[in-house]
Amino acid sequence: MNRPTPLWLRLGSVIVGLLVLVLPLPALFDDMRPYLLALVLVYWALEAPGTGGIVAAWLLGLLADVLTGTLLGEQALRLAVLVFLVQRFRAQLRFFPAWQQAAAVGLMLLNDLVLMLVLRGIGGAGLPPLGVLLAPLLGTLLWPWVFLLLDALRLRHRERVGGR
């Protein structure tokens, strides 16, 4: 029997993802900042697909746009596309080995980077620094750890509730 994931865990992980977006970093590292909010949404789209989905990704993207001062709707569209891709290929992604799943997430983050560059080009923002090219790679390397952490928290809650 599938128990619902607690709201505090979902909200907490999303809030951490949003905080990482606005966390002040040195200029060198700011350009390479992994898109943790996207990784969190990928996890929830994989493990709890019926809750939120594309609409939640769009709304969180709008909130991220407001927090970071980017073109309104840019991150909303990027996150909605990302969650759509995860939902579309969920059946395959869930059964990939960890390295293959990380590679697939990396390709989706690369797609996100291309979409960001196109949207910023259309918006007239110009090209971002070259450091942003490393962000999908860092996200790919970070994915297994994000997955393991969120999965451990979710399973711990499930065991705690199931034991009562």
C-alpha atoms as a PDB file:
ATOM      1  CA  MET A   1       0.000   0.000   0.000  1.00  0.00           C
ATOM      2  CA  ASN A   2       1.360   3.394  -0.979  1.00  0.00           C
ATOM      3  CA  ARG A   3       1.284   5.923   1.823  1.00  0.00           C
ATOM      4  CA  PRO A   4       1.237   9.576   0.838  1.00  0.00           C
ATOM      5  CA  THR A   5       4.456  11.474   1.232  1.00  0.00           C
ATOM      6  CA  PRO A   6       4.258  14.017   4.037  1.00  0.00           C
ATOM      7  CA  LEU A   7       3.678  17.590   2.990  1.00  0.00           C
ATOM      8  CA  TRP A   8       6.512  18.834   5.223  1.00  0.00           C
ATOM      9  CA  LEU A   9       9.033  16.738   3.287  1.00  0.00           C
ATOM     10  CA  ARG A  10       7.873  17.998  -0.101  1.00  0.00           C
ATOM     11  CA  LEU A  11       7.677  21.617   1.012  1.00  0.00           C
ATOM     12  CA  GLY A  12      10.963  21.381   2.878  1.00  0.00           C
ATOM     13  CA  SER A  13      12.815  20.004  -0.134  1.00  0.00           C
ATOM     14  CA  VAL A  14      11.304  22.638  -2.424  1.00  0.00           C
ATOM     15  CA  ILE A  15      12.181  25.424   0.037  1.00  0.00           C
ATOM     16  CA  VAL A  16      15.782  24.181   0.185  1.00  0.00           C
ATOM     17  CA  GLY A  17      15.845  24.173  -3.637  1.00  0.00           C
ATOM     18  CA  LEU A  18      14.573  27.757  -3.698  1.00  0.00           C
ATOM     19  CA  LEU A  19      17.079  28.828  -1.034  1.00  0.00           C
ATOM     20  CA  VAL A  20      19.962  27.411  -3.060  1.00  0.00           C
ATOM     21  CA  LEU A  21      18.794  29.596  -5.968  1.00  0.00           C
ATOM     22  CA  VAL A  22      19.197  32.791  -3.928  1.00  0.00           C
ATOM     23  CA  LEU A  23      22.123  31.730  -1.744  1.00  0.00           C
ATOM     24  CA  PRO A  24      24.932  34.247  -2.265  1.00  0.00           C
ATOM     25  CA  LEU A  25      28.000  32.607  -3.763  1.00  0.00           C
ATOM     26  CA  PRO A  26      31.274  33.984  -5.113  1.00  0.00           C
ATOM     27  CA  ALA A  27      30.975  35.013  -8.768  1.00  0.00           C
ATOM     28  CA  LEU A  28      33.016  32.023  -9.982  1.00  0.00           C
ATOM     29  CA  PHE A  29      30.702  29.522  -8.277  1.00  0.00           C
ATOM     30  CA  ASP A  30      27.516  31.487  -8.896  1.00  0.00           C
ATOM     31  CA  ASP A  31      27.731  30.768 -12.622  1.00  0.00           C
ATOM     32  CA  MET A  32      28.138  27.022 -11.998  1.00  0.00           C
ATOM     33  CA  ARG A  33      25.317  26.769  -9.443  1.00  0.00           C
ATOM     34  CA  PRO A  34      23.490  23.443  -9.904  1.00  0.00           C
ATOM     35  CA  TYR A  35      19.745  23.764 -10.402  1.00  0.00           C
ATOM     36  CA  LEU A  36      18.765  22.014  -7.167  1.00  0.00           C
ATOM     37  CA  LEU A  37      15.110  23.009  -7.480  1.00  0.00           C
ATOM     38  CA  ALA A  38      14.978  21.104 -10.770  1.00  0.00           C
ATOM     39  CA  LEU A  39      16.574  18.043  -9.159  1.00  0.00           C
ATOM     40  CA  VAL A  40      14.016  18.120  -6.342  1.00  0.00           C
ATOM     41  CA  LEU A  41      11.145  18.366  -8.829  1.00  0.00           C
ATOM     42  CA  VAL A  42      12.603  15.504 -10.873  1.00  0.00           C
ATOM     43  CA  TYR A  43      12.698  13.363  -7.729  1.00  0.00           C
ATOM     44  CA  TRP A  44       9.079  14.109  -6.809  1.00  0.00           C
ATOM     45  CA  ALA A  45       7.917  13.579 -10.401  1.00  0.00           C
ATOM     46  CA  LEU A  46       9.605  10.161 -10.327  1.00  0.00           C
ATOM     47  CA  GLU A  47       8.545   9.007  -6.889  1.00  0.00           C
ATOM     48  CA  ALA A  48       5.154  10.702  -6.379  1.00  0.00           C
ATOM     49  CA  PRO A  49       3.838  11.394  -9.886  1.00  0.00           C
ATOM     50  CA  GLY A  50       0.213  12.147  -9.111  1.00  0.00           C
ATOM     51  CA  THR A  51       0.832  15.152  -6.912  1.00  0.00           C
ATOM     52  CA  GLY A  52       1.373  18.558  -8.387  1.00  0.00           C
ATOM     53  CA  GLY A  53       3.126  17.730 -11.583  1.00  0.00           C
ATOM     54  CA  ILE A  54       3.448  20.287 -14.338  1.00  0.00           C
ATOM     55  CA  VAL A  55       1.196  22.884 -12.700  1.00  0.00           C
ATOM     56  CA  ALA A  56       3.213  22.785  -9.474  1.00  0.00           C
ATOM     57  CA  ALA A  57       6.439  23.057 -11.485  1.00  0.00           C
ATOM     58  CA  TRP A  58       5.042  26.080 -13.339  1.00  0.00           C
ATOM     59  CA  LEU A  59       3.999  27.826 -10.111  1.00  0.00           C
ATOM     60  CA  LEU A  60       7.321  27.075  -8.409  1.00  0.00           C
ATOM     61  CA  GLY A  61       9.088  28.346 -11.509  1.00  0.00           C
ATOM     62  CA  LEU A  62       7.164  31.613 -11.297  1.00  0.00           C
ATOM     63  CA  LEU A  63       8.166  31.906  -7.646  1.00  0.00           C
ATOM     64  CA  ALA A  64      11.789  31.186  -8.592  1.00  0.00           C
ATOM     65  CA  ASP A  65      11.586  33.863 -11.318  1.00  0.00           C
ATOM     66  CA  VAL A  66      10.395  36.403  -8.773  1.00  0.00           C
ATOM     67  CA  LEU A  67      13.061  35.403  -6.240  1.00  0.00           C
ATOM     68  CA  THR A  68      15.950  35.497  -8.705  1.00  0.00           C
ATOM     69  CA  GLY A  69      14.782  38.411 -10.850  1.00  0.00           C
ATOM     70  CA  THR A  70      14.883  36.482 -14.120  1.00  0.00           C
ATOM     71  CA  LEU A  71      12.451  37.034 -16.976  1.00  0.00           C
ATOM     72  CA  LEU A  72       9.005  36.192 -15.581  1.00  0.00           C
ATOM     73  CA  GLY A  73       8.007  32.794 -16.874  1.00  0.00           C
ATOM     74  CA  GLU A  74      11.493  31.638 -17.866  1.00  0.00           C
ATOM     75  CA  GLN A  75      12.060  29.208 -15.018  1.00  0.00           C
ATOM     76  CA  ALA A  76       8.370  28.363 -14.988  1.00  0.00           C
ATOM     77  CA  LEU A  77       8.556  27.134 -18.578  1.00  0.00           C
ATOM     78  CA  ARG A  78      11.875  25.383 -17.994  1.00  0.00           C
ATOM     79  CA  LEU A  79      10.600  23.495 -14.943  1.00  0.00           C
ATOM     80  CA  ALA A  80       7.298  22.610 -16.612  1.00  0.00           C
ATOM     81  CA  VAL A  81       9.169  21.138 -19.601  1.00  0.00           C
ATOM     82  CA  LEU A  82      11.508  19.250 -17.270  1.00  0.00           C
ATOM     83  CA  VAL A  83       8.659  17.723 -15.268  1.00  0.00           C
ATOM     84  CA  PHE A  84       6.818  16.883 -18.493  1.00  0.00           C
ATOM     85  CA  LEU A  85       9.876  14.957 -19.724  1.00  0.00           C
ATOM     86  CA  VAL A  86      10.199  13.107 -16.427  1.00  0.00           C
ATOM     87  CA  GLN A  87       6.523  12.188 -16.464  1.00  0.00           C
ATOM     88  CA  ARG A  88       6.742  11.084 -20.084  1.00  0.00           C
ATOM     89  CA  PHE A  89       9.695   8.758 -19.444  1.00  0.00           C
ATOM     90  CA  ARG A  90       8.934   7.888 -15.817  1.00  0.00           C
ATOM     91  CA  ALA A  91       8.383   4.181 -16.453  1.00  0.00           C
ATOM     92  CA  GLN A  92      11.853   3.823 -17.953  1.00  0.00           C
ATOM     93  CA  LEU A  93      13.687   6.197 -15.593  1.00  0.00           C
ATOM     94  CA  ARG A  94      12.512   4.477 -12.412  1.00  0.00           C
ATOM     95  CA  PHE A  95      14.154   1.210 -13.374  1.00  0.00           C
ATOM     96  CA  PHE A  96      17.462   2.561 -14.674  1.00  0.00           C
ATOM     97  CA  PRO A  97      20.564   1.804 -12.627  1.00  0.00           C
ATOM     98  CA  ALA A  98      21.817   4.823 -10.668  1.00  0.00           C
ATOM     99  CA  TRP A  99      24.498   5.805 -13.195  1.00  0.00           C
ATOM    100  CA  GLN A 100      22.078   5.577 -16.106  1.00  0.00           C
ATOM    101  CA  GLN A 101      19.435   7.556 -14.236  1.00  0.00           C
ATOM    102  CA  ALA A 102      22.041  10.236 -13.446  1.00  0.00           C
ATOM    103  CA  ALA A 103      22.990  10.376 -17.126  1.00  0.00           C
ATOM    104  CA  ALA A 104      19.327  10.762 -18.122  1.00  0.00           C
ATOM    105  CA  VAL A 105      18.854  13.523 -15.554  1.00  0.00           C
ATOM    106  CA  GLY A 106      22.023  15.155 -16.894  1.00  0.00           C
ATOM    107  CA  LEU A 107      20.595  15.124 -20.416  1.00  0.00           C
ATOM    108  CA  MET A 108      17.382  16.710 -19.137  1.00  0.00           C
ATOM    109  CA  LEU A 109      19.454  19.377 -17.354  1.00  0.00           C
ATOM    110  CA  LEU A 110      21.361  19.958 -20.589  1.00  0.00           C
ATOM    111  CA  ASN A 111      18.020  20.345 -22.372  1.00  0.00           C
ATOM    112  CA  ASP A 112      17.068  22.827 -19.647  1.00  0.00           C
ATOM    113  CA  LEU A 113      20.268  24.785 -20.291  1.00  0.00           C
ATOM    114  CA  VAL A 114      19.544  24.969 -24.028  1.00  0.00           C
ATOM    115  CA  LEU A 115      15.985  26.112 -23.289  1.00  0.00           C
ATOM    116  CA  MET A 116      17.344  28.773 -20.915  1.00  0.00           C
ATOM    117  CA  LEU A 117      19.763  30.034 -23.568  1.00  0.00           C
ATOM    118  CA  VAL A 118      16.984  30.196 -26.180  1.00  0.00           C
ATOM    119  CA  LEU A 119      14.603  32.021 -23.825  1.00  0.00           C
ATOM    120  CA  ARG A 120      17.250  34.507 -22.759  1.00  0.00           C
ATOM    121  CA  GLY A 121      18.230  35.029 -26.381  1.00  0.00           C
ATOM    122  CA  ILE A 122      14.630  35.760 -27.319  1.00  0.00           C
ATOM    123  CA  GLY A 123      14.321  38.056 -24.302  1.00  0.00           C
ATOM    124  CA  GLY A 124      17.453  39.957 -25.348  1.00  0.00           C
ATOM    125  CA  ALA A 125      19.435  39.091 -22.219  1.00  0.00           C
ATOM    126  CA  GLY A 126      22.527  38.037 -24.157  1.00  0.00           C
ATOM    127  CA  LEU A 127      24.771  35.091 -23.459  1.00  0.00           C
ATOM    128  CA  PRO A 128      25.458  34.088 -19.854  1.00  0.00           C
ATOM    129  CA  PRO A 129      29.013  33.413 -18.623  1.00  0.00           C
ATOM    130  CA  LEU A 130      30.673  30.179 -19.718  1.00  0.00           C
ATOM    131  CA  GLY A 131      30.427  28.800 -16.175  1.00  0.00           C
ATOM    132  CA  VAL A 132      26.751  27.945 -16.724  1.00  0.00           C
ATOM    133  CA  LEU A 133      27.881  25.152 -19.047  1.00  0.00           C
ATOM    134  CA  LEU A 134      29.176  23.293 -15.976  1.00  0.00           C
ATOM    135  CA  ALA A 135      25.858  23.506 -14.092  1.00  0.00           C
ATOM    136  CA  PRO A 136      24.278  20.460 -15.839  1.00  0.00           C
ATOM    137  CA  LEU A 137      27.427  18.434 -15.141  1.00  0.00           C
ATOM    138  CA  LEU A 138      27.357  19.392 -11.462  1.00  0.00           C
ATOM    139  CA  GLY A 139      23.641  18.586 -11.338  1.00  0.00           C
ATOM    140  CA  THR A 140      24.357  15.181 -12.871  1.00  0.00           C
ATOM    141  CA  LEU A 141      27.003  14.486 -10.228  1.00  0.00           C
ATOM    142  CA  LEU A 142      24.701  15.749  -7.479  1.00  0.00           C
ATOM    143  CA  TRP A 143      21.644  13.748  -8.611  1.00  0.00           C
ATOM    144  CA  PRO A 144      22.479  10.414  -6.914  1.00  0.00           C
ATOM    145  CA  TRP A 145      23.018  12.188  -3.586  1.00  0.00           C
ATOM    146  CA  VAL A 146      19.795  14.193  -3.865  1.00  0.00           C
ATOM    147  CA  PHE A 147      17.920  11.026  -4.792  1.00  0.00           C
ATOM    148  CA  LEU A 148      19.385   9.025  -1.905  1.00  0.00           C
ATOM    149  CA  LEU A 149      18.740  11.763   0.649  1.00  0.00           C
ATOM    150  CA  LEU A 150      15.125  12.382  -0.342  1.00  0.00           C
ATOM    151  CA  ASP A 151      14.457   8.659  -0.698  1.00  0.00           C
ATOM    152  CA  ALA A 152      15.885   7.942   2.754  1.00  0.00           C
ATOM    153  CA  LEU A 153      13.739  10.676   4.313  1.00  0.00           C
ATOM    154  CA  ARG A 154      10.638   9.462   2.505  1.00  0.00           C
ATOM    155  CA  LEU A 155      11.225   5.819   3.437  1.00  0.00           C
ATOM    156  CA  ARG A 156      12.014   6.716   7.054  1.00  0.00           C
ATOM    157  CA  HIS A 157       8.674   8.498   7.281  1.00  0.00           C
ATOM    158  CA  ARG A 158       6.919   5.533   5.683  1.00  0.00           C
ATOM    159  CA  GLU A 159       8.477   3.119   8.225  1.00  0.00           C
ATOM    160  CA  ARG A 160       7.633   5.412  11.136  1.00  0.00           C
ATOM    161  CA  VAL A 161       3.995   5.720  10.064  1.00  0.00           C
ATOM    162  CA  GLY A 162       3.753   2.033   9.184  1.00  0.00           C
ATOM    163  CA  GLY A 163       5.072   1.001  12.607  1.00  0.00           C
ATOM    164  CA  ARG A 164       2.253   2.708  14.509  1.00  0.00           C
END
